[in-house]
């Protein structure tokens, strides 16, 4: 199943792949900060894939499959919440308002996830 091409999705659609990257280059990261990026692809029928990378001394990467529900301007994203003691996981839905600042840029507002801007991949 493939993502909807960016040119087929209007400004009110989250279809396609979106990337969020640290605001500084890896080689110029401030002391104590890690560089990172994440790419989320919103596919058809509520399927979502996520790829995350984080680098400090070395790099680590992981991917996740999930679900989403889109009712413009709100997206619900399936996620996992850990208990305070780190022993139990609970499946949750995170609700985010999507603000398209341009055709290929969006920000998630009032949300559990980062409010840093996302850029749609071509």
N, C-alpha and C. Protein backbone atom coordinates (compact mmCIF):
# COMPACT_ATOMS: atom_id res chain seq x y z
N UNK A 1 0.84 -1.16 0.00
CA UNK A 1 0.00 0.00 0.00
C UNK A 1 0.90 1.23 0.00
N UNK A 2 0.68 2.17 -0.91
CA UNK A 2 1.57 3.32 -1.01
C UNK A 2 0.88 4.58 -0.52
N UNK A 3 1.69 5.57 -0.20
CA UNK A 3 1.17 6.86 0.24
C UNK A 3 0.59 7.58 -0.96
N UNK A 4 -0.34 8.47 -0.71
CA UNK A 4 -0.92 9.29 -1.76
C UNK A 4 0.12 10.30 -2.20
N UNK A 5 0.37 10.47 -3.51
CA UNK A 5 1.36 11.45 -3.94
C UNK A 5 1.01 12.84 -3.45
N UNK A 6 2.03 13.62 -3.11
CA UNK A 6 1.81 14.96 -2.56
C UNK A 6 1.02 15.84 -3.53
N UNK A 7 1.26 15.71 -4.84
CA UNK A 7 0.57 16.57 -5.80
C UNK A 7 -0.93 16.26 -5.86
N UNK A 8 -1.34 15.08 -5.42
CA UNK A 8 -2.75 14.70 -5.44
C UNK A 8 -3.48 15.13 -4.18
N UNK A 9 -2.75 15.53 -3.19
CA UNK A 9 -3.35 15.91 -1.91
C UNK A 9 -3.41 17.43 -1.81
N UNK A 10 -4.55 17.95 -1.53
CA UNK A 10 -4.70 19.39 -1.37
C UNK A 10 -4.22 19.84 -0.01
N UNK A 11 -4.28 21.13 0.25
CA UNK A 11 -3.80 21.65 1.52
C UNK A 11 -4.62 21.18 2.72
N UNK A 12 -5.77 20.59 2.51
CA UNK A 12 -6.56 20.11 3.64
C UNK A 12 -6.38 18.61 3.86
N UNK A 13 -5.36 18.03 3.24
CA UNK A 13 -5.10 16.60 3.36
C UNK A 13 -3.74 16.35 4.01
N UNK A 14 -3.67 15.35 4.87
CA UNK A 14 -2.38 14.97 5.44
C UNK A 14 -1.76 13.80 4.70
N UNK A 15 -2.41 13.31 3.65
CA UNK A 15 -1.89 12.17 2.90
C UNK A 15 -0.47 12.43 2.42
N UNK A 16 0.31 11.37 2.40
CA UNK A 16 1.69 11.47 1.96
C UNK A 16 2.63 11.35 3.14
N UNK A 17 3.90 11.64 2.90
CA UNK A 17 4.93 11.54 3.94
C UNK A 17 5.38 12.93 4.37
N UNK A 18 5.56 13.08 5.66
CA UNK A 18 5.94 14.36 6.27
C UNK A 18 7.18 14.13 7.14
N UNK A 19 8.12 15.07 7.11
CA UNK A 19 9.34 14.95 7.89
C UNK A 19 9.53 16.14 8.81
N UNK A 20 10.01 15.84 9.99
CA UNK A 20 10.32 16.85 11.00
C UNK A 20 11.79 16.61 11.37
N UNK A 21 12.62 17.65 11.31
CA UNK A 21 14.05 17.50 11.55
C UNK A 21 14.51 18.51 12.59
N UNK A 22 15.52 18.14 13.36
CA UNK A 22 16.09 19.06 14.35
C UNK A 22 16.42 20.39 13.69
N UNK A 23 16.29 21.48 14.45
CA UNK A 23 16.50 22.81 13.86
C UNK A 23 17.96 23.18 13.64
N UNK A 24 18.88 22.27 13.94
CA UNK A 24 20.30 22.55 13.75
C UNK A 24 20.94 21.36 13.05
N UNK A 25 22.02 21.57 12.28
CA UNK A 25 22.70 20.45 11.62
C UNK A 25 23.33 19.52 12.65
N UNK A 26 23.47 18.27 12.28
CA UNK A 26 24.05 17.27 13.19
C UNK A 26 25.41 17.71 13.72
N UNK A 27 26.29 18.21 12.83
CA UNK A 27 27.65 18.60 13.23
C UNK A 27 27.67 19.84 14.12
N UNK A 28 26.56 20.59 14.18
CA UNK A 28 26.52 21.82 14.97
C UNK A 28 25.53 21.73 16.13
N UNK A 29 25.24 20.52 16.57
CA UNK A 29 24.26 20.40 17.65
C UNK A 29 24.83 20.97 18.95
N UNK A 30 24.02 21.67 19.69
CA UNK A 30 24.47 22.26 20.96
C UNK A 30 24.86 21.16 21.96
N UNK A 31 25.77 21.47 22.89
CA UNK A 31 26.16 20.48 23.90
C UNK A 31 24.93 19.97 24.66
N UNK A 32 24.88 18.66 24.87
CA UNK A 32 23.78 18.05 25.59
C UNK A 32 22.52 17.83 24.78
N UNK A 33 22.52 18.23 23.51
CA UNK A 33 21.34 18.05 22.64
C UNK A 33 21.60 16.93 21.66
N UNK A 34 20.55 16.26 21.27
CA UNK A 34 20.69 15.25 20.24
C UNK A 34 20.05 15.76 18.96
N UNK A 35 20.58 15.30 17.83
CA UNK A 35 20.00 15.61 16.53
C UNK A 35 19.01 14.51 16.22
N UNK A 36 17.95 14.84 15.53
CA UNK A 36 16.99 13.81 15.19
C UNK A 36 16.10 14.20 14.03
N UNK A 37 15.45 13.18 13.50
CA UNK A 37 14.44 13.40 12.46
C UNK A 37 13.38 12.33 12.61
N UNK A 38 12.21 12.64 12.11
CA UNK A 38 11.14 11.65 12.07
C UNK A 38 10.35 11.87 10.79
N UNK A 39 9.96 10.77 10.20
CA UNK A 39 9.12 10.81 8.99
C UNK A 39 7.88 9.98 9.26
N UNK A 40 6.74 10.60 9.06
CA UNK A 40 5.46 9.91 9.22
C UNK A 40 4.78 9.88 7.87
N UNK A 41 4.33 8.71 7.45
CA UNK A 41 3.62 8.55 6.18
C UNK A 41 2.18 8.15 6.47
N UNK A 42 1.25 9.01 6.01
CA UNK A 42 -0.18 8.77 6.17
C UNK A 42 -0.66 8.13 4.88
N UNK A 43 -0.97 6.84 4.95
CA UNK A 43 -1.37 6.09 3.78
C UNK A 43 -2.90 5.96 3.73
N UNK A 44 -3.36 5.28 2.74
CA UNK A 44 -4.82 5.07 2.58
C UNK A 44 -5.36 4.17 3.67
N UNK A 45 -6.65 4.30 3.89
CA UNK A 45 -7.41 3.45 4.82
C UNK A 45 -6.89 3.52 6.25
N UNK A 46 -6.35 4.68 6.63
CA UNK A 46 -5.95 4.88 8.02
C UNK A 46 -4.67 4.19 8.44
N UNK A 47 -3.86 3.75 7.49
CA UNK A 47 -2.58 3.10 7.80
C UNK A 47 -1.49 4.18 7.89
N UNK A 48 -0.62 4.03 8.86
CA UNK A 48 0.44 5.01 9.08
C UNK A 48 1.75 4.28 9.37
N UNK A 49 2.84 4.77 8.78
CA UNK A 49 4.16 4.25 9.12
C UNK A 49 4.99 5.42 9.65
N UNK A 50 5.87 5.11 10.59
CA UNK A 50 6.71 6.15 11.20
C UNK A 50 8.15 5.66 11.27
N UNK A 51 9.09 6.55 10.92
CA UNK A 51 10.51 6.25 11.02
C UNK A 51 11.16 7.36 11.83
N UNK A 52 11.89 6.99 12.87
CA UNK A 52 12.54 7.96 13.77
C UNK A 52 14.04 7.68 13.81
N UNK A 53 14.83 8.75 13.87
CA UNK A 53 16.27 8.63 14.04
C UNK A 53 16.73 9.66 15.05
N UNK A 54 17.60 9.25 15.97
CA UNK A 54 18.15 10.16 16.97
C UNK A 54 19.65 9.91 17.08
N UNK A 55 20.42 11.00 17.10
CA UNK A 55 21.87 10.90 17.17
C UNK A 55 22.40 11.82 18.26
N UNK A 56 23.25 11.27 19.09
CA UNK A 56 23.98 12.06 20.09
C UNK A 56 25.44 11.67 19.90
N UNK A 57 25.96 10.72 20.69
CA UNK A 57 27.31 10.18 20.44
C UNK A 57 27.29 9.26 19.24
N UNK A 58 26.29 8.42 19.15
CA UNK A 58 26.02 7.54 18.01
C UNK A 58 24.59 7.77 17.57
N UNK A 59 24.11 6.94 16.71
CA UNK A 59 22.74 7.10 16.21
C UNK A 59 21.92 5.85 16.49
N UNK A 60 20.63 6.05 16.66
CA UNK A 60 19.67 4.98 16.86
C UNK A 60 18.47 5.28 15.99
N UNK A 61 17.86 4.26 15.43
CA UNK A 61 16.69 4.46 14.58
C UNK A 61 15.67 3.36 14.86
N UNK A 62 14.41 3.69 14.65
CA UNK A 62 13.35 2.71 14.85
C UNK A 62 12.17 3.10 13.97
N UNK A 63 11.36 2.12 13.64
CA UNK A 63 10.14 2.38 12.87
C UNK A 63 8.95 1.76 13.57
N UNK A 64 7.81 2.30 13.29
CA UNK A 64 6.55 1.87 13.90
C UNK A 64 5.46 1.87 12.85
N UNK A 65 4.55 0.93 12.97
CA UNK A 65 3.33 0.95 12.17
C UNK A 65 2.21 1.38 13.08
N UNK A 66 1.24 2.02 12.53
CA UNK A 66 0.13 2.47 13.36
C UNK A 66 -1.09 2.79 12.52
N UNK A 67 -2.02 3.43 13.16
CA UNK A 67 -3.29 3.82 12.53
C UNK A 67 -3.51 5.31 12.77
N UNK A 68 -4.32 5.89 11.92
CA UNK A 68 -4.73 7.28 12.14
C UNK A 68 -6.16 7.46 11.66
N UNK A 69 -6.78 8.49 12.16
CA UNK A 69 -8.12 8.90 11.72
C UNK A 69 -8.04 10.38 11.38
N UNK A 70 -8.52 10.75 10.23
CA UNK A 70 -8.44 12.14 9.77
C UNK A 70 -9.83 12.71 9.56
N UNK A 71 -10.13 13.75 10.28
CA UNK A 71 -11.37 14.51 10.13
C UNK A 71 -10.96 15.97 10.19
N UNK A 72 -10.61 16.52 9.05
CA UNK A 72 -10.05 17.87 8.97
C UNK A 72 -10.81 18.84 9.87
N UNK A 73 -10.12 19.57 10.71
CA UNK A 73 -8.67 19.76 10.84
C UNK A 73 -8.04 18.92 11.95
N UNK A 74 -8.71 17.83 12.36
CA UNK A 74 -8.21 17.01 13.48
C UNK A 74 -7.70 15.66 12.97
N UNK A 75 -6.55 15.24 13.50
CA UNK A 75 -6.04 13.90 13.24
C UNK A 75 -5.90 13.19 14.59
N UNK A 76 -6.33 11.94 14.63
CA UNK A 76 -6.12 11.08 15.80
C UNK A 76 -5.06 10.07 15.38
N UNK A 77 -4.03 9.90 16.20
CA UNK A 77 -2.91 9.01 15.89
C UNK A 77 -2.79 7.95 16.98
N UNK A 78 -2.75 6.69 16.57
CA UNK A 78 -2.58 5.61 17.55
C UNK A 78 -1.17 5.68 18.12
N UNK A 79 -1.06 5.43 19.42
CA UNK A 79 0.23 5.53 20.09
C UNK A 79 0.22 4.59 21.28
N UNK A 80 1.36 4.46 21.92
CA UNK A 80 1.49 3.63 23.12
C UNK A 80 1.94 4.52 24.27
N UNK A 81 1.29 4.37 25.39
CA UNK A 81 1.66 5.13 26.59
C UNK A 81 2.20 4.15 27.62
N UNK A 82 3.34 4.49 28.20
CA UNK A 82 3.96 3.64 29.22
C UNK A 82 3.47 4.06 30.60
N UNK A 83 3.31 3.08 31.49
CA UNK A 83 2.95 3.38 32.87
C UNK A 83 4.14 4.08 33.54
N UNK A 84 3.90 4.74 34.65
CA UNK A 84 4.95 5.46 35.36
C UNK A 84 6.10 4.55 35.77
N UNK A 85 5.79 3.30 36.07
CA UNK A 85 6.86 2.37 36.47
C UNK A 85 7.53 1.69 35.27
N UNK A 86 7.05 2.00 34.04
CA UNK A 86 7.65 1.45 32.83
C UNK A 86 7.35 -0.01 32.56
N UNK A 87 6.38 -0.58 33.26
CA UNK A 87 6.10 -2.01 33.12
C UNK A 87 4.88 -2.33 32.26
N UNK A 88 4.01 -1.35 32.06
CA UNK A 88 2.79 -1.60 31.31
C UNK A 88 2.64 -0.60 30.15
N UNK A 89 2.14 -1.11 29.04
CA UNK A 89 1.85 -0.27 27.89
C UNK A 89 0.34 -0.23 27.68
N UNK A 90 -0.14 0.92 27.32
CA UNK A 90 -1.56 1.09 27.02
C UNK A 90 -1.68 1.72 25.64
N UNK A 91 -2.53 1.16 24.78
CA UNK A 91 -2.79 1.78 23.48
C UNK A 91 -3.70 2.98 23.68
N UNK A 92 -3.31 4.11 23.09
CA UNK A 92 -4.08 5.34 23.22
C UNK A 92 -4.22 5.99 21.84
N UNK A 93 -5.16 6.89 21.74
CA UNK A 93 -5.33 7.74 20.56
C UNK A 93 -4.96 9.16 20.95
N UNK A 94 -4.01 9.76 20.24
CA UNK A 94 -3.59 11.14 20.48
C UNK A 94 -4.34 12.03 19.49
N UNK A 95 -4.97 13.07 20.02
CA UNK A 95 -5.75 14.00 19.18
C UNK A 95 -4.92 15.25 18.93
N UNK A 96 -4.81 15.65 17.66
CA UNK A 96 -4.03 16.83 17.29
C UNK A 96 -4.80 17.67 16.27
N UNK A 97 -4.76 18.97 16.45
CA UNK A 97 -5.28 19.88 15.44
C UNK A 97 -4.16 20.12 14.43
N UNK A 98 -4.48 20.02 13.14
CA UNK A 98 -3.48 20.21 12.09
C UNK A 98 -3.66 21.60 11.50
N UNK A 99 -2.57 22.36 11.50
CA UNK A 99 -2.56 23.69 10.90
C UNK A 99 -1.62 23.66 9.71
N UNK A 100 -2.17 23.81 8.50
CA UNK A 100 -1.35 23.86 7.30
C UNK A 100 -0.88 25.30 7.13
N UNK A 101 0.43 25.52 7.30
CA UNK A 101 0.98 26.86 7.16
C UNK A 101 1.34 27.15 5.71
N UNK A 102 1.41 26.13 4.89
CA UNK A 102 1.61 26.22 3.44
C UNK A 102 1.19 24.86 2.88
N UNK A 103 1.15 24.75 1.57
CA UNK A 103 0.72 23.49 0.95
C UNK A 103 1.57 22.31 1.41
N UNK A 104 2.87 22.56 1.61
CA UNK A 104 3.79 21.48 1.97
C UNK A 104 4.33 21.61 3.39
N UNK A 105 3.65 22.36 4.24
CA UNK A 105 4.08 22.54 5.63
C UNK A 105 2.88 22.43 6.56
N UNK A 106 3.10 21.77 7.70
CA UNK A 106 2.03 21.68 8.70
C UNK A 106 2.65 21.71 10.10
N UNK A 107 1.81 22.05 11.05
CA UNK A 107 2.16 22.05 12.46
C UNK A 107 1.04 21.33 13.20
N UNK A 108 1.41 20.47 14.16
CA UNK A 108 0.42 19.81 15.01
C UNK A 108 0.24 20.67 16.25
N UNK A 109 -0.99 21.07 16.52
CA UNK A 109 -1.27 21.98 17.64
C UNK A 109 -2.09 21.28 18.72
N UNK A 110 -1.94 21.78 19.96
CA UNK A 110 -2.70 21.26 21.10
C UNK A 110 -2.60 19.74 21.15
N UNK A 111 -1.38 19.26 21.20
CA UNK A 111 -1.12 17.86 20.92
C UNK A 111 0.00 17.32 21.80
N UNK A 112 0.00 16.04 22.03
CA UNK A 112 1.05 15.35 22.78
C UNK A 112 2.39 15.41 22.03
N UNK A 113 2.34 15.41 20.69
CA UNK A 113 3.54 15.39 19.87
C UNK A 113 4.14 16.78 19.71
N UNK A 114 5.35 16.84 19.20
CA UNK A 114 6.08 18.10 19.02
C UNK A 114 5.31 19.08 18.13
N UNK A 115 5.41 20.36 18.47
CA UNK A 115 4.78 21.42 17.68
C UNK A 115 5.75 21.98 16.63
N UNK A 116 6.93 21.36 16.46
CA UNK A 116 7.86 21.80 15.42
C UNK A 116 7.23 21.55 14.05
N UNK A 117 7.58 22.36 13.05
CA UNK A 117 6.97 22.22 11.72
C UNK A 117 7.35 20.91 11.02
N UNK A 118 6.41 20.42 10.23
CA UNK A 118 6.60 19.25 9.37
C UNK A 118 6.64 19.71 7.92
N UNK A 119 7.46 19.05 7.09
CA UNK A 119 7.54 19.36 5.67
C UNK A 119 7.11 18.13 4.89
N UNK A 120 6.20 18.35 3.92
CA UNK A 120 5.74 17.22 3.09
C UNK A 120 6.83 16.85 2.09
N UNK A 121 7.11 15.57 1.98
CA UNK A 121 8.10 15.10 1.01
C UNK A 121 7.48 15.09 -0.38
N UNK A 122 8.31 15.38 -1.40
CA UNK A 122 7.77 15.42 -2.78
C UNK A 122 7.35 14.05 -3.25
